[in-house]
Protein backbone atom coordinates (compact mmCIF):
# COMPACT_ATOMS: atom_id res chain seq x y z
CA UNK A 1 -126.59 120.41 -121.55
CA UNK A 2 -123.69 122.90 -121.79
CA UNK A 3 -123.73 126.42 -120.29
CA UNK A 4 -121.19 129.07 -121.25
CA UNK A 5 -121.37 131.59 -118.37
CA UNK A 6 -119.60 134.96 -118.67
CA UNK A 7 -118.88 137.13 -115.66
CA UNK A 8 -116.77 140.29 -115.24
CA UNK A 9 -115.81 141.61 -111.82
CA UNK A 10 -113.94 144.90 -111.79
CA UNK A 11 -113.33 146.06 -108.22
CA UNK A 12 -114.81 143.72 -105.58
CA UNK A 13 -115.29 140.00 -106.01
CA UNK A 14 -119.11 139.81 -105.44
CA UNK A 15 -120.08 139.33 -109.08
CA UNK A 16 -117.61 136.47 -109.47
CA UNK A 17 -118.61 134.83 -106.18
CA UNK A 18 -122.29 134.85 -107.05
CA UNK A 19 -121.63 133.46 -110.50
CA UNK A 20 -119.46 130.74 -109.04
CA UNK A 21 -122.13 129.84 -106.48
CA UNK A 22 -124.70 129.69 -109.29
CA UNK A 23 -122.40 127.64 -111.49
CA UNK A 24 -122.02 125.05 -108.70
CA UNK A 25 -125.80 124.83 -108.30
CA UNK A 26 -126.22 124.30 -112.09
CA UNK A 27 -123.44 121.65 -112.07
CA UNK A 28 -125.21 119.91 -109.20
CA UNK A 29 -128.31 119.89 -111.43
CA UNK A 30 -126.28 118.00 -114.10
CA UNK A 31 -125.46 120.91 -116.43
CA UNK A 32 -121.97 121.24 -117.83
CA UNK A 33 -121.01 124.64 -116.94
CA UNK A 34 -117.96 126.63 -118.22
CA UNK A 35 -117.52 129.70 -115.99
CA UNK A 36 -115.79 132.39 -118.03
CA UNK A 37 -114.10 135.21 -115.98
CA UNK A 38 -112.82 138.42 -117.31
CA UNK A 39 -111.59 139.71 -113.92
CA UNK A 40 -108.50 139.23 -111.83
CA UNK A 41 -108.21 135.57 -110.55
CA UNK A 42 -109.44 135.12 -107.00
CA UNK A 43 -107.99 132.45 -104.73
CA UNK A 44 -110.55 129.71 -103.93
CA UNK A 45 -112.77 130.46 -106.90
CA UNK A 46 -112.07 128.14 -109.85
CA UNK A 47 -113.11 129.14 -113.41
CA UNK A 48 -113.36 127.25 -116.63
CA UNK A 49 -111.94 129.99 -118.81
CA UNK A 50 -109.73 132.81 -117.59
CA UNK A 51 -109.66 135.70 -120.00
CA UNK A 52 -106.81 138.23 -119.86
CA UNK A 53 -107.93 140.09 -116.72
CA UNK A 54 -109.34 143.57 -116.56
CA UNK A 55 -110.00 145.62 -113.41
CA UNK A 56 -111.20 149.10 -112.54
CA UNK A 57 -108.63 151.75 -111.73
CA UNK A 58 -110.85 153.38 -109.11
CA UNK A 59 -114.45 153.71 -107.83
CA UNK A 60 -115.54 155.72 -110.96
CA UNK A 61 -115.15 152.51 -113.12
CA UNK A 62 -114.23 154.83 -116.04
CA UNK A 63 -110.73 153.50 -116.58
CA UNK A 64 -110.06 149.83 -117.04
CA UNK A 65 -106.59 148.36 -116.41
CA UNK A 66 -105.06 145.30 -117.98
CA UNK A 67 -103.11 142.39 -116.31
CA UNK A 68 -100.14 144.70 -115.94
CA UNK A 69 -102.16 147.46 -114.30
CA UNK A 70 -101.89 149.67 -117.42
CA UNK A 71 -104.92 151.35 -119.10
CA UNK A 72 -106.40 149.09 -121.78
CA UNK A 73 -106.15 150.21 -125.37
CA UNK A 74 -107.89 149.26 -128.60
CA UNK A 75 -105.40 146.48 -129.44
CA UNK A 76 -105.98 144.94 -126.05
CA UNK A 77 -109.75 145.12 -126.52
CA UNK A 78 -109.46 143.35 -129.97
CA UNK A 79 -107.32 140.56 -128.46
CA UNK A 80 -109.72 139.95 -125.59
CA UNK A 81 -112.85 140.11 -127.74
CA UNK A 82 -111.21 137.54 -130.04
CA UNK A 83 -110.18 135.30 -127.09
CA UNK A 84 -113.80 135.38 -125.77
CA UNK A 85 -115.33 134.67 -129.15
CA UNK A 86 -112.94 131.76 -129.70
CA UNK A 87 -113.77 130.23 -126.35
CA UNK A 88 -117.47 130.64 -127.02
CA UNK A 89 -117.29 128.94 -130.42
CA UNK A 90 -115.14 126.13 -129.06
CA UNK A 91 -117.67 125.39 -126.28
CA UNK A 92 -120.60 124.61 -128.60
CA UNK A 93 -122.79 125.39 -125.68
CA UNK A 94 -126.58 125.12 -125.51
CA UNK A 95 -126.96 128.12 -123.31
CA UNK A 96 -125.05 131.47 -123.39
CA UNK A 97 -125.44 133.18 -120.02
CA UNK A 98 -124.17 136.71 -119.35
CA UNK A 99 -123.98 138.18 -115.93
CA UNK A 100 -125.35 141.73 -115.60
CA UNK A 101 -125.03 143.09 -119.14
CA UNK A 102 -126.86 145.05 -120.52
CA UNK A 103 -128.06 146.27 -117.09
CA UNK A 104 -124.46 147.05 -116.28
CA UNK A 105 -120.94 146.41 -117.45
CA UNK A 106 -121.31 148.77 -120.45
CA UNK A 107 -117.51 149.05 -120.40
CA UNK A 108 -117.43 145.57 -121.89
CA UNK A 109 -119.58 146.24 -124.87
CA UNK A 110 -116.48 145.85 -127.03
CA UNK A 111 -116.53 142.08 -126.48
CA UNK A 112 -120.13 141.39 -125.41
CA UNK A 113 -121.84 142.75 -128.45
CA UNK A 114 -119.85 140.52 -130.82
CA UNK A 115 -120.48 137.62 -128.55
CA UNK A 116 -124.21 138.12 -128.34
CA UNK A 117 -124.53 138.88 -131.97
CA UNK A 118 -122.61 135.67 -132.82
CA UNK A 119 -125.14 133.72 -130.77
CA UNK A 120 -128.00 135.24 -132.82
CA UNK A 121 -126.50 133.98 -136.03
CA UNK A 122 -125.94 130.35 -134.99
CA UNK A 123 -128.22 127.49 -136.12
CA UNK A 124 -129.55 125.90 -134.01
CA UNK A 125 -129.57 129.08 -131.90
CA UNK A 126 -128.58 128.73 -128.24
CA UNK A 127 -130.74 129.93 -125.44
CA UNK A 128 -129.37 133.39 -124.45
CA UNK A 129 -129.98 134.31 -120.79
CA UNK A 130 -129.01 137.30 -118.61
CA UNK A 131 -128.18 136.63 -114.94
CA UNK A 132 -128.81 139.68 -112.79
CA UNK A 133 -129.02 140.59 -109.11
CA UNK A 134 -132.07 142.02 -107.41
CA UNK A 135 -130.95 145.66 -107.18
CA UNK A 136 -129.31 147.54 -110.00
CA UNK A 137 -127.22 150.70 -110.20
CA UNK A 138 -129.25 152.09 -113.06
CA UNK A 139 -129.31 155.50 -114.77
CA UNK A 140 -132.84 156.45 -115.79
CA UNK A 141 -131.73 158.14 -119.08
CA UNK A 142 -130.30 154.81 -120.29
CA UNK A 143 -133.15 152.52 -119.25
CA UNK A 144 -135.01 152.62 -122.53
CA UNK A 145 -131.89 151.70 -124.47
CA UNK A 146 -131.02 148.95 -121.93
CA UNK A 147 -134.45 147.44 -122.21
CA UNK A 148 -134.33 147.43 -125.96
CA UNK A 149 -130.96 145.67 -125.94
CA UNK A 150 -132.24 143.09 -123.43
CA UNK A 151 -135.34 142.36 -125.54
CA UNK A 152 -133.33 142.13 -128.71
CA UNK A 153 -130.44 140.02 -127.50
CA UNK A 154 -131.77 137.88 -124.64
CA UNK A 155 -134.45 135.23 -124.56
CA UNK A 156 -134.82 135.19 -120.79
CA UNK A 157 -133.62 137.23 -117.75
CA UNK A 158 -132.99 135.39 -114.45
CA UNK A 159 -133.47 137.90 -111.60
CA UNK A 160 -131.71 136.54 -108.56
CA UNK A 161 -133.89 137.98 -105.88
CA UNK A 162 -137.38 137.90 -104.23
CA UNK A 163 -139.91 140.41 -105.51
CA UNK A 164 -141.52 140.51 -102.04
CA UNK A 165 -138.41 142.27 -100.90
CA UNK A 166 -137.02 144.05 -103.97
CA UNK A 167 -138.83 143.83 -107.31
CA UNK A 168 -136.62 144.78 -110.32
CA UNK A 169 -138.68 147.83 -111.05
CA UNK A 170 -137.51 149.27 -107.77
CA UNK A 171 -134.20 150.14 -109.44
CA UNK A 172 -134.99 149.69 -113.07
CA UNK A 173 -137.96 151.78 -114.25
CA UNK A 174 -138.24 150.07 -117.62
CA UNK A 175 -138.81 146.62 -116.15
CA UNK A 176 -142.40 146.50 -117.53
CA UNK A 177 -140.91 146.60 -121.09
CA UNK A 178 -139.40 143.13 -120.38
CA UNK A 179 -142.52 141.50 -119.08
CA UNK A 180 -142.55 137.86 -120.08
CA UNK A 181 -138.74 137.68 -120.07
CA UNK A 182 -138.22 138.39 -116.36
CA UNK A 183 -138.15 135.36 -114.01
CA UNK A 184 -137.39 135.60 -110.34
CA UNK A 185 -135.32 132.84 -108.89
CA UNK A 186 -134.87 133.69 -105.20
CA UNK A 187 -131.51 134.67 -103.87
CA UNK A 188 -128.45 132.62 -104.91
CA UNK A 189 -126.65 131.21 -101.89
CA UNK A 190 -124.55 128.18 -101.35
CA UNK A 191 -126.89 125.26 -100.74
CA UNK A 192 -124.13 123.42 -98.78
CA UNK A 193 -123.97 126.22 -96.21
CA UNK A 194 -124.02 124.58 -92.73
CA UNK A 195 -126.90 124.91 -90.31
CA UNK A 196 -126.79 127.56 -87.56
CA UNK A 197 -124.98 126.50 -84.38
CA UNK A 198 -125.26 129.60 -82.31
CA UNK A 199 -121.63 130.25 -81.58
CA UNK A 200 -120.14 133.03 -79.47
CA UNK A 201 -117.82 134.89 -81.77
CA UNK A 202 -118.55 138.25 -83.45
CA UNK A 203 -117.67 138.08 -87.20
CA UNK A 204 -116.54 141.28 -88.83
CA UNK A 205 -116.06 141.20 -92.61
CA UNK A 206 -115.89 143.49 -95.68
CA UNK A 207 -116.31 141.20 -98.69
CA UNK A 208 -113.27 141.23 -100.89
CA UNK A 209 -111.78 144.07 -98.76
CA UNK A 210 -110.94 146.57 -101.41
CA UNK A 211 -113.02 149.26 -99.70
CA UNK A 212 -113.59 148.01 -96.17
CA UNK A 213 -110.84 149.38 -94.01
CA UNK A 214 -112.94 152.10 -92.33
CA UNK A 215 -115.64 149.69 -91.27
CA UNK A 216 -113.10 147.17 -89.96
CA UNK A 217 -111.26 149.86 -87.95
CA UNK A 218 -114.52 151.12 -86.39
CA UNK A 219 -115.55 147.67 -85.39
CA UNK A 220 -112.19 146.89 -83.74
CA UNK A 221 -112.32 150.16 -81.77
CA UNK A 222 -115.99 149.64 -80.82
CA UNK A 223 -115.60 146.19 -79.30
CA UNK A 224 -114.98 147.44 -75.73
CA UNK A 225 -118.15 149.59 -75.82
CA UNK A 226 -120.48 146.72 -76.64
CA UNK A 227 -122.38 144.05 -74.80
CA UNK A 228 -120.28 141.53 -76.67
CA UNK A 229 -116.85 142.73 -75.51
CA UNK A 230 -116.26 139.45 -73.75
CA UNK A 231 -116.51 137.56 -77.05
CA UNK A 232 -113.78 136.89 -79.55
CA UNK A 233 -114.11 139.29 -82.54
CA UNK A 234 -112.85 137.65 -85.72
CA UNK A 235 -112.05 140.33 -88.31
CA UNK A 236 -111.55 139.24 -91.93
CA UNK A 237 -109.82 141.94 -94.01
CA UNK A 238 -110.54 140.35 -97.43
CA UNK A 239 -108.36 139.10 -100.24
CA UNK A 240 -108.14 142.54 -101.86
CA UNK A 241 -107.15 144.43 -98.72
CA UNK A 242 -103.82 146.12 -99.37
CA UNK A 243 -100.71 145.24 -97.43
CA UNK A 244 -100.61 148.72 -95.92
CA UNK A 245 -104.25 148.53 -94.81
CA UNK A 246 -103.66 145.09 -93.35
CA UNK A 247 -100.68 146.25 -91.30
CA UNK A 248 -102.67 149.22 -90.09
CA UNK A 249 -105.46 147.02 -88.93
CA UNK A 250 -103.02 144.72 -87.23
CA UNK A 251 -101.96 147.56 -84.92
CA UNK A 252 -105.60 147.63 -83.61
CA UNK A 253 -105.76 143.92 -82.96
CA UNK A 254 -105.87 143.97 -79.18
CA UNK A 255 -106.44 140.77 -77.09
CA UNK A 256 -109.79 139.30 -78.00
CA UNK A 257 -109.51 140.39 -81.63
CA UNK A 258 -108.28 137.93 -84.26
CA UNK A 259 -107.33 139.51 -87.57
CA UNK A 260 -107.18 137.38 -90.69
CA UNK A 261 -107.18 138.11 -94.38
CA UNK A 262 -109.83 135.54 -95.40
CA UNK A 263 -111.20 132.18 -94.45
CA UNK A 264 -112.29 129.47 -96.87
CA UNK A 265 -114.83 128.38 -94.22
CA UNK A 266 -116.48 131.82 -94.01
CA UNK A 267 -120.04 130.37 -94.48
CA UNK A 268 -119.47 128.08 -91.51
CA UNK A 269 -118.09 130.89 -89.41
CA UNK A 270 -121.07 133.02 -90.37
CA UNK A 271 -123.56 130.33 -89.60
CA UNK A 272 -122.06 129.78 -86.16
CA UNK A 273 -121.37 133.34 -84.99
CA UNK A 274 -123.28 135.28 -82.33
CA UNK A 275 -123.40 138.47 -84.57
CA UNK A 276 -122.17 139.53 -87.96
CA UNK A 277 -120.86 143.06 -88.80
CA UNK A 278 -120.43 143.62 -92.57
CA UNK A 279 -121.22 145.69 -95.51
CA UNK A 280 -124.42 144.94 -97.49
CA UNK A 281 -123.17 143.19 -100.63
CA UNK A 282 -125.48 140.63 -102.22
CA UNK A 283 -123.58 137.51 -101.21
CA UNK A 284 -122.85 138.39 -97.63
CA UNK A 285 -126.50 139.42 -97.06
CA UNK A 286 -127.88 136.30 -98.68
CA UNK A 287 -125.55 134.12 -96.53
CA UNK A 288 -126.48 136.15 -93.39
CA UNK A 289 -130.20 135.58 -94.07
CA UNK A 290 -129.66 131.83 -94.71
CA UNK A 291 -127.73 131.52 -91.49
CA UNK A 292 -130.38 133.61 -89.60
CA UNK A 293 -127.78 135.42 -87.60
CA UNK A 294 -128.16 138.78 -85.95
CA UNK A 295 -126.45 141.39 -88.10
CA UNK A 296 -125.27 144.99 -88.34
CA UNK A 297 -125.02 146.26 -91.90
CA UNK A 298 -122.90 149.25 -92.95
CA UNK A 299 -123.57 149.54 -96.65
CA UNK A 300 -120.83 150.77 -98.98
CA UNK A 301 -121.96 154.06 -100.47
CA UNK A 302 -118.85 155.74 -101.94
CA UNK A 303 -118.72 156.78 -105.62
CA UNK A 304 -122.48 157.26 -105.83
CA UNK A 305 -123.21 153.61 -105.03
CA UNK A 306 -126.79 153.03 -103.84
CA UNK A 307 -127.38 149.27 -104.23
CA UNK A 308 -126.07 148.21 -100.87
CA UNK A 309 -127.77 151.13 -98.98
CA UNK A 310 -131.20 150.20 -100.40
CA UNK A 311 -130.73 146.51 -99.67
CA UNK A 312 -129.86 147.30 -96.13
CA UNK A 313 -132.75 149.73 -95.72
CA UNK A 314 -135.27 147.20 -97.04
CA UNK A 315 -134.03 144.59 -94.54
CA UNK A 316 -133.88 147.00 -91.66
CA UNK A 317 -137.49 148.01 -92.25
CA UNK A 318 -138.44 144.40 -91.78
CA UNK A 319 -136.52 144.09 -88.59
CA UNK A 320 -134.00 141.61 -90.05
CA UNK A 321 -130.82 143.76 -89.53
CA UNK A 322 -129.67 146.89 -87.89
CA UNK A 323 -128.31 149.43 -90.30
CA UNK A 324 -125.68 152.14 -89.90
CA UNK A 325 -125.32 154.64 -92.82
CA UNK A 326 -121.73 154.80 -94.00
CA UNK A 327 -121.86 158.61 -93.67
CA UNK A 328 -122.82 158.20 -89.99
CA UNK A 329 -120.32 155.50 -89.13
CA UNK A 330 -118.37 156.24 -85.91
CA UNK A 331 -117.07 154.04 -83.24
CA UNK A 332 -119.99 155.09 -80.99
CA UNK A 333 -122.69 154.59 -83.63
CA UNK A 334 -121.41 151.14 -84.52
CA UNK A 335 -121.21 150.10 -80.86
CA UNK A 336 -124.78 151.26 -80.31
CA UNK A 337 -125.93 149.32 -83.40
CA UNK A 338 -124.14 146.13 -82.18
CA UNK A 339 -125.94 146.47 -78.80
CA UNK A 340 -129.33 146.86 -80.54
CA UNK A 341 -128.62 143.86 -82.80
CA UNK A 342 -127.46 141.72 -79.90
CA UNK A 343 -130.85 142.23 -78.21
CA UNK A 344 -132.92 141.64 -81.35
CA UNK A 345 -134.53 138.36 -82.41
CA UNK A 346 -132.96 136.38 -85.19
CA UNK A 347 -134.29 137.05 -88.78
CA UNK A 348 -137.35 134.95 -89.75
CA UNK A 349 -136.62 131.81 -91.68
CA UNK A 350 -139.20 132.67 -94.41
CA UNK A 351 -138.24 136.29 -94.83
CA UNK A 352 -137.09 135.81 -98.46
CA UNK A 353 -136.72 133.01 -100.96
CA UNK A 354 -133.10 131.65 -100.77
CA UNK A 355 -133.48 128.84 -103.30
CA UNK A 356 -132.09 130.77 -106.29
CA UNK A 357 -129.62 128.16 -107.47
CA UNK A 358 -132.03 125.28 -107.65
CA UNK A 359 -134.76 127.45 -109.16
CA UNK A 360 -132.35 128.77 -111.90
CA UNK A 361 -131.55 125.18 -112.91
CA UNK A 362 -135.27 124.32 -113.04
CA UNK A 363 -136.04 127.27 -115.30
CA UNK A 364 -133.10 126.53 -117.63
CA UNK A 365 -134.15 122.87 -117.97
CA UNK A 366 -137.73 123.89 -118.62
CA UNK A 367 -136.76 126.41 -121.33
CA UNK A 368 -134.36 124.02 -123.09
CA UNK A 369 -137.07 121.28 -123.13
């Protein structure tokens, strides 16, 4: 069975990374998956179809830039919509899976509406599925329209989370309108992630790195004030960290601090560290919970973002992490949080369902049958 899986990342790389992890799980379940990316290529993440890339100019996400970092125009939109539609028709896929839309990525309506409407016209009609994370950045005044679009254009909605921690209605008030279409899968995390080994390093990371400099700086300066100052602190700046920011961080790399851009073996480093300091993006948190490592989360909250803050709060309430509000981040507050986390027990193994890849494959096979 063939799956055509569309994903668009605009600023960070989290959406693409989760989609790629899910695509691998589906391939392991013997689906033929074509991962179709509309964002800037990311080293280490292979895709089946790379569309002309679009990215966000800033945290407002209002202006999209093309591959030359120029604002996109109507001619560019027509070309890309045509490229997407051609790739879809050539795939002859049994399943059309779209990440996030219509719950987000409204900027991409110019290509997604023609794609979804084309799927509606085909005979036999493919299964049309939305793949969405647990917590949304939803605007209440748009929720009715979003629910109507989801009901009209999608057969099923895979919610990659655990309702015991974060049911969809927590951030999407119209979830009840989609009853019968919503299916929770558990969190999507790499099934090949190694077992915990209980290493001695402190691992500091900021996802793709586009917005992580302040956290990384605070962590490097806080090291000497913590109980773990004798450990090696490995700081991963991220593939999207600018050259200027990377050089500035390098000036803080005193003995005992190792600064790197990224590591292909990040899951292994995470599984075998003494403590993780990170933002609270979906992928890093899911990997942290699977590794059952002690963690300090400093959720990204600029530009009105609330998703990471809520995720961190929900986990902190359950004693699984120590949280520091981005607005309260100082060297001292981070050092104090590290000391609390270092003394805390490891997260419970059964805190949340982390079997999202396998369960997604099971559900798709069941629906296709």
